[in-house]
Amino acid sequence: DSATSSAESELSTNQEHKKHWQIKVVEVSNLADEAAAAMRSADLQRSTLAGIYTVAQKAYEDEAAAFAVDKGQFETELKAISAVTAKISEVLGACSAPAKA
């Protein structure tokens, strides 16, 4: 009978369409999973770089503060050395000057 044959043909076509769209849903789902994984990977990389930057920034700040303290101390020591050198030069100049009679 023609009605049964037509129904079976339509059922077969509908099952093929269903299978086609099930495959498409799985493909799109896989693409969504890949995109989500790429996004998480980028977030992880961004977080890693932010952590490296934070550590480097803190190290720079610590070193800059230590440098400022050391620089002040070195400048004070250089002034003291310059004063001592000037006194030594003054004493040597007085010693090498001819004695007055």
N, C-alpha and C. Protein backbone atom coordinates (compact mmCIF):
# COMPACT_ATOMS: atom_id res chain seq x y z
N ASP A 1 0.79 -1.18 0.00
CA ASP A 1 0.00 0.00 0.00
C ASP A 1 0.83 1.25 0.00
N SER A 2 0.27 2.18 -0.68
CA SER A 2 0.98 3.42 -0.97
C SER A 2 1.12 4.32 0.25
N ALA A 3 0.16 4.36 1.13
CA ALA A 3 0.21 5.21 2.32
C ALA A 3 1.31 4.74 3.27
N THR A 4 1.40 3.43 3.43
CA THR A 4 2.43 2.86 4.31
C THR A 4 3.80 3.12 3.72
N SER A 5 3.94 2.93 2.43
CA SER A 5 5.21 3.16 1.75
C SER A 5 5.63 4.62 1.88
N SER A 6 4.68 5.51 1.70
CA SER A 6 4.95 6.95 1.81
C SER A 6 5.34 7.31 3.24
N ALA A 7 4.66 6.72 4.21
CA ALA A 7 4.97 6.99 5.62
C ALA A 7 6.36 6.47 5.98
N GLU A 8 6.67 5.27 5.49
CA GLU A 8 8.00 4.70 5.75
C GLU A 8 9.10 5.55 5.10
N SER A 9 8.86 6.03 3.91
CA SER A 9 9.82 6.90 3.22
C SER A 9 10.01 8.20 3.99
N GLU A 10 8.92 8.78 4.44
CA GLU A 10 8.99 10.03 5.22
C GLU A 10 9.69 9.80 6.55
N LEU A 11 9.42 8.68 7.19
CA LEU A 11 10.07 8.32 8.46
C LEU A 11 11.58 8.16 8.24
N SER A 12 11.96 7.51 7.16
CA SER A 12 13.38 7.32 6.84
C SER A 12 14.06 8.67 6.61
N THR A 13 13.40 9.54 5.86
CA THR A 13 13.95 10.88 5.60
C THR A 13 14.08 11.67 6.90
N ASN A 14 13.06 11.59 7.73
CA ASN A 14 13.11 12.30 9.00
C ASN A 14 14.21 11.78 9.91
N GLN A 15 14.44 10.47 9.90
CA GLN A 15 15.52 9.89 10.70
C GLN A 15 16.89 10.35 10.18
N GLU A 16 17.02 10.45 8.87
CA GLU A 16 18.28 10.95 8.29
C GLU A 16 18.50 12.40 8.69
N HIS A 17 17.46 13.22 8.65
CA HIS A 17 17.58 14.62 9.06
C HIS A 17 17.93 14.71 10.55
N LYS A 18 17.27 13.87 11.34
CA LYS A 18 17.56 13.86 12.78
C LYS A 18 19.02 13.51 13.02
N LYS A 19 19.52 12.48 12.33
CA LYS A 19 20.92 12.07 12.49
C LYS A 19 21.86 13.19 12.04
N HIS A 20 21.53 13.84 10.93
CA HIS A 20 22.34 14.95 10.42
C HIS A 20 22.44 16.06 11.48
N TRP A 21 21.30 16.44 12.07
CA TRP A 21 21.31 17.52 13.05
C TRP A 21 21.93 17.10 14.38
N GLN A 22 21.84 15.83 14.72
CA GLN A 22 22.54 15.35 15.91
C GLN A 22 24.05 15.49 15.73
N ILE A 23 24.52 15.14 14.53
CA ILE A 23 25.95 15.29 14.23
C ILE A 23 26.35 16.76 14.29
N LYS A 24 25.51 17.63 13.71
CA LYS A 24 25.81 19.08 13.74
C LYS A 24 25.88 19.59 15.18
N VAL A 25 24.94 19.14 16.03
CA VAL A 25 24.93 19.56 17.44
C VAL A 25 26.22 19.13 18.13
N VAL A 26 26.66 17.91 17.88
CA VAL A 26 27.91 17.41 18.47
C VAL A 26 29.10 18.23 17.96
N GLU A 27 29.14 18.53 16.65
CA GLU A 27 30.23 19.33 16.10
C GLU A 27 30.27 20.72 16.72
N VAL A 28 29.11 21.36 16.83
CA VAL A 28 29.06 22.69 17.43
C VAL A 28 29.45 22.63 18.91
N SER A 29 29.00 21.59 19.59
CA SER A 29 29.36 21.41 21.00
C SER A 29 30.88 21.24 21.14
N ASN A 30 31.49 20.47 20.25
CA ASN A 30 32.96 20.29 20.28
C ASN A 30 33.67 21.61 20.03
N LEU A 31 33.16 22.40 19.08
CA LEU A 31 33.77 23.71 18.81
C LEU A 31 33.64 24.62 20.02
N ALA A 32 32.49 24.55 20.69
CA ALA A 32 32.30 25.37 21.89
C ALA A 32 33.27 24.93 22.99
N ASP A 33 33.47 23.63 23.14
CA ASP A 33 34.43 23.12 24.13
C ASP A 33 35.85 23.57 23.80
N GLU A 34 36.22 23.52 22.53
CA GLU A 34 37.55 23.97 22.12
C GLU A 34 37.74 25.46 22.38
N ALA A 35 36.72 26.24 22.10
CA ALA A 35 36.79 27.69 22.34
C ALA A 35 36.90 27.97 23.84
N ALA A 36 36.14 27.24 24.64
CA ALA A 36 36.21 27.43 26.09
C ALA A 36 37.59 27.04 26.62
N ALA A 37 38.16 25.96 26.10
CA ALA A 37 39.50 25.54 26.51
C ALA A 37 40.54 26.59 26.12
N ALA A 38 40.41 27.13 24.92
CA ALA A 38 41.34 28.18 24.49
C ALA A 38 41.20 29.42 25.37
N MET A 39 39.98 29.74 25.75
CA MET A 39 39.75 30.89 26.61
C MET A 39 40.37 30.67 27.99
N ARG A 40 40.18 29.46 28.53
CA ARG A 40 40.79 29.16 29.84
C ARG A 40 42.31 29.19 29.76
N SER A 41 42.85 28.69 28.66
CA SER A 41 44.30 28.71 28.46
C SER A 41 44.81 30.15 28.40
N ALA A 42 44.10 31.01 27.69
CA ALA A 42 44.49 32.43 27.60
C ALA A 42 44.38 33.10 28.96
N ASP A 43 43.33 32.76 29.72
CA ASP A 43 43.19 33.33 31.07
C ASP A 43 44.34 32.88 31.96
N LEU A 44 44.72 31.62 31.85
CA LEU A 44 45.83 31.10 32.65
C LEU A 44 47.12 31.82 32.27
N GLN A 45 47.35 31.98 30.98
CA GLN A 45 48.56 32.67 30.53
C GLN A 45 48.55 34.12 31.01
N ARG A 46 47.40 34.78 30.92
CA ARG A 46 47.27 36.16 31.37
C ARG A 46 47.54 36.26 32.88
N SER A 47 47.02 35.31 33.64
CA SER A 47 47.24 35.31 35.09
C SER A 47 48.72 35.07 35.41
N THR A 48 49.34 34.17 34.66
CA THR A 48 50.76 33.89 34.86
C THR A 48 51.59 35.15 34.59
N LEU A 49 51.29 35.82 33.48
CA LEU A 49 52.04 37.04 33.14
C LEU A 49 51.78 38.14 34.18
N ALA A 50 50.56 38.23 34.66
CA ALA A 50 50.24 39.23 35.69
C ALA A 50 51.03 38.93 36.96
N GLY A 51 51.15 37.65 37.30
CA GLY A 51 51.94 37.27 38.48
C GLY A 51 53.41 37.61 38.30
N ILE A 52 53.93 37.32 37.13
CA ILE A 52 55.34 37.65 36.85
C ILE A 52 55.55 39.15 36.94
N TYR A 53 54.62 39.92 36.37
CA TYR A 53 54.72 41.37 36.42
C TYR A 53 54.68 41.87 37.86
N THR A 54 53.78 41.31 38.66
CA THR A 54 53.65 41.74 40.05
C THR A 54 54.94 41.46 40.82
N VAL A 55 55.51 40.29 40.61
CA VAL A 55 56.76 39.94 41.29
C VAL A 55 57.89 40.88 40.84
N ALA A 56 57.97 41.13 39.53
CA ALA A 56 59.02 42.02 39.02
C ALA A 56 58.83 43.44 39.55
N GLN A 57 57.60 43.91 39.59
CA GLN A 57 57.31 45.26 40.09
C GLN A 57 57.72 45.37 41.57
N LYS A 58 57.39 44.36 42.37
CA LYS A 58 57.73 44.38 43.80
C LYS A 58 59.24 44.34 43.97
N ALA A 59 59.92 43.53 43.18
CA ALA A 59 61.39 43.46 43.26
C ALA A 59 62.00 44.80 42.89
N TYR A 60 61.47 45.45 41.86
CA TYR A 60 61.97 46.76 41.46
C TYR A 60 61.77 47.77 42.58
N GLU A 61 60.59 47.78 43.17
CA GLU A 61 60.31 48.73 44.25
C GLU A 61 61.25 48.50 45.44
N ASP A 62 61.47 47.22 45.79
CA ASP A 62 62.37 46.90 46.90
C ASP A 62 63.80 47.34 46.58
N GLU A 63 64.25 47.04 45.37
CA GLU A 63 65.62 47.41 44.97
C GLU A 63 65.78 48.93 44.88
N ALA A 64 64.76 49.62 44.39
CA ALA A 64 64.83 51.08 44.28
C ALA A 64 64.93 51.71 45.66
N ALA A 65 64.17 51.19 46.62
CA ALA A 65 64.22 51.72 47.98
C ALA A 65 65.61 51.45 48.59
N ALA A 66 66.13 50.25 48.40
CA ALA A 66 67.46 49.92 48.93
C ALA A 66 68.52 50.78 48.25
N PHE A 67 68.39 51.01 46.96
CA PHE A 67 69.34 51.86 46.24
C PHE A 67 69.33 53.28 46.80
N ALA A 68 68.15 53.81 47.07
CA ALA A 68 68.06 55.18 47.60
C ALA A 68 68.76 55.28 48.95
N VAL A 69 68.59 54.28 49.81
CA VAL A 69 69.25 54.27 51.12
C VAL A 69 70.76 54.17 50.92
N ASP A 70 71.20 53.23 50.07
CA ASP A 70 72.64 53.05 49.83
C ASP A 70 73.25 54.30 49.20
N LYS A 71 72.55 54.92 48.29
CA LYS A 71 73.06 56.11 47.63
C LYS A 71 73.30 57.23 48.64
N GLY A 72 72.36 57.43 49.53
CA GLY A 72 72.52 58.46 50.57
C GLY A 72 73.73 58.17 51.45
N GLN A 73 73.89 56.90 51.81
CA GLN A 73 75.02 56.51 52.65
C GLN A 73 76.33 56.71 51.90
N PHE A 74 76.39 56.34 50.63
CA PHE A 74 77.61 56.50 49.84
C PHE A 74 77.96 57.98 49.66
N GLU A 75 76.95 58.81 49.45
CA GLU A 75 77.21 60.25 49.31
C GLU A 75 77.79 60.83 50.59
N THR A 76 77.27 60.40 51.73
CA THR A 76 77.81 60.86 53.02
C THR A 76 79.25 60.39 53.19
N GLU A 77 79.52 59.14 52.83
CA GLU A 77 80.88 58.61 52.94
C GLU A 77 81.83 59.32 51.98
N LEU A 78 81.37 59.65 50.77
CA LEU A 78 82.22 60.37 49.83
C LEU A 78 82.56 61.78 50.34
N LYS A 79 81.59 62.43 50.97
CA LYS A 79 81.86 63.76 51.55
C LYS A 79 82.90 63.64 52.65
N ALA A 80 82.77 62.61 53.49
CA ALA A 80 83.74 62.41 54.58
C ALA A 80 85.12 62.13 54.00
N ILE A 81 85.21 61.29 52.99
CA ILE A 81 86.49 60.97 52.36
C ILE A 81 87.09 62.23 51.73
N SER A 82 86.26 63.03 51.10
CA SER A 82 86.75 64.27 50.49
C SER A 82 87.29 65.22 51.56
N ALA A 83 86.61 65.29 52.70
CA ALA A 83 87.07 66.15 53.79
C ALA A 83 88.41 65.65 54.34
N VAL A 84 88.52 64.33 54.52
CA VAL A 84 89.77 63.75 55.02
C VAL A 84 90.89 63.99 54.01
N THR A 85 90.60 63.78 52.73
CA THR A 85 91.60 64.00 51.67
C THR A 85 92.05 65.46 51.66
N ALA A 86 91.13 66.38 51.82
CA ALA A 86 91.48 67.81 51.85
C ALA A 86 92.38 68.11 53.05
N LYS A 87 92.08 67.53 54.22
CA LYS A 87 92.91 67.75 55.41
C LYS A 87 94.31 67.17 55.21
N ILE A 88 94.37 65.97 54.61
CA ILE A 88 95.67 65.34 54.36
C ILE A 88 96.48 66.22 53.40
N SER A 89 95.84 66.70 52.36
CA SER A 89 96.54 67.58 51.41
C SER A 89 97.01 68.84 52.11
N GLU A 90 96.20 69.38 53.01
CA GLU A 90 96.58 70.59 53.75
C GLU A 90 97.79 70.33 54.64
N VAL A 91 97.79 69.19 55.34
CA VAL A 91 98.89 68.84 56.23
C VAL A 91 100.16 68.60 55.40
N LEU A 92 100.02 67.87 54.29
CA LEU A 92 101.18 67.62 53.44
C LEU A 92 101.73 68.91 52.86
N GLY A 93 100.84 69.80 52.51
CA GLY A 93 101.28 71.10 52.00
C GLY A 93 102.03 71.88 53.07
N ALA A 94 101.56 71.81 54.30
CA ALA A 94 102.24 72.51 55.39
C ALA A 94 103.59 71.87 55.70
N CYS A 95 103.67 70.57 55.58
CA CYS A 95 104.94 69.88 55.86
C CYS A 95 105.98 70.16 54.77
N SER A 96 105.55 70.29 53.56
CA SER A 96 106.50 70.46 52.48
C SER A 96 106.86 71.93 52.25
N ALA A 97 106.17 72.81 52.95
CA ALA A 97 106.48 74.24 52.81
C ALA A 97 107.81 74.51 53.49
N PRO A 98 108.61 75.43 52.93
CA PRO A 98 109.91 75.73 53.56
C PRO A 98 109.69 76.37 54.94
N ALA A 99 110.54 75.97 55.85
CA ALA A 99 110.45 76.49 57.23
C ALA A 99 110.89 77.93 57.26
N LYS A 100 110.20 78.72 58.04
CA LYS A 100 110.55 80.14 58.18
C LYS A 100 111.65 80.30 59.22
N ALA A 101 112.62 81.14 58.94
CA ALA A 101 113.74 81.33 59.85
C ALA A 101 113.51 82.42 60.84
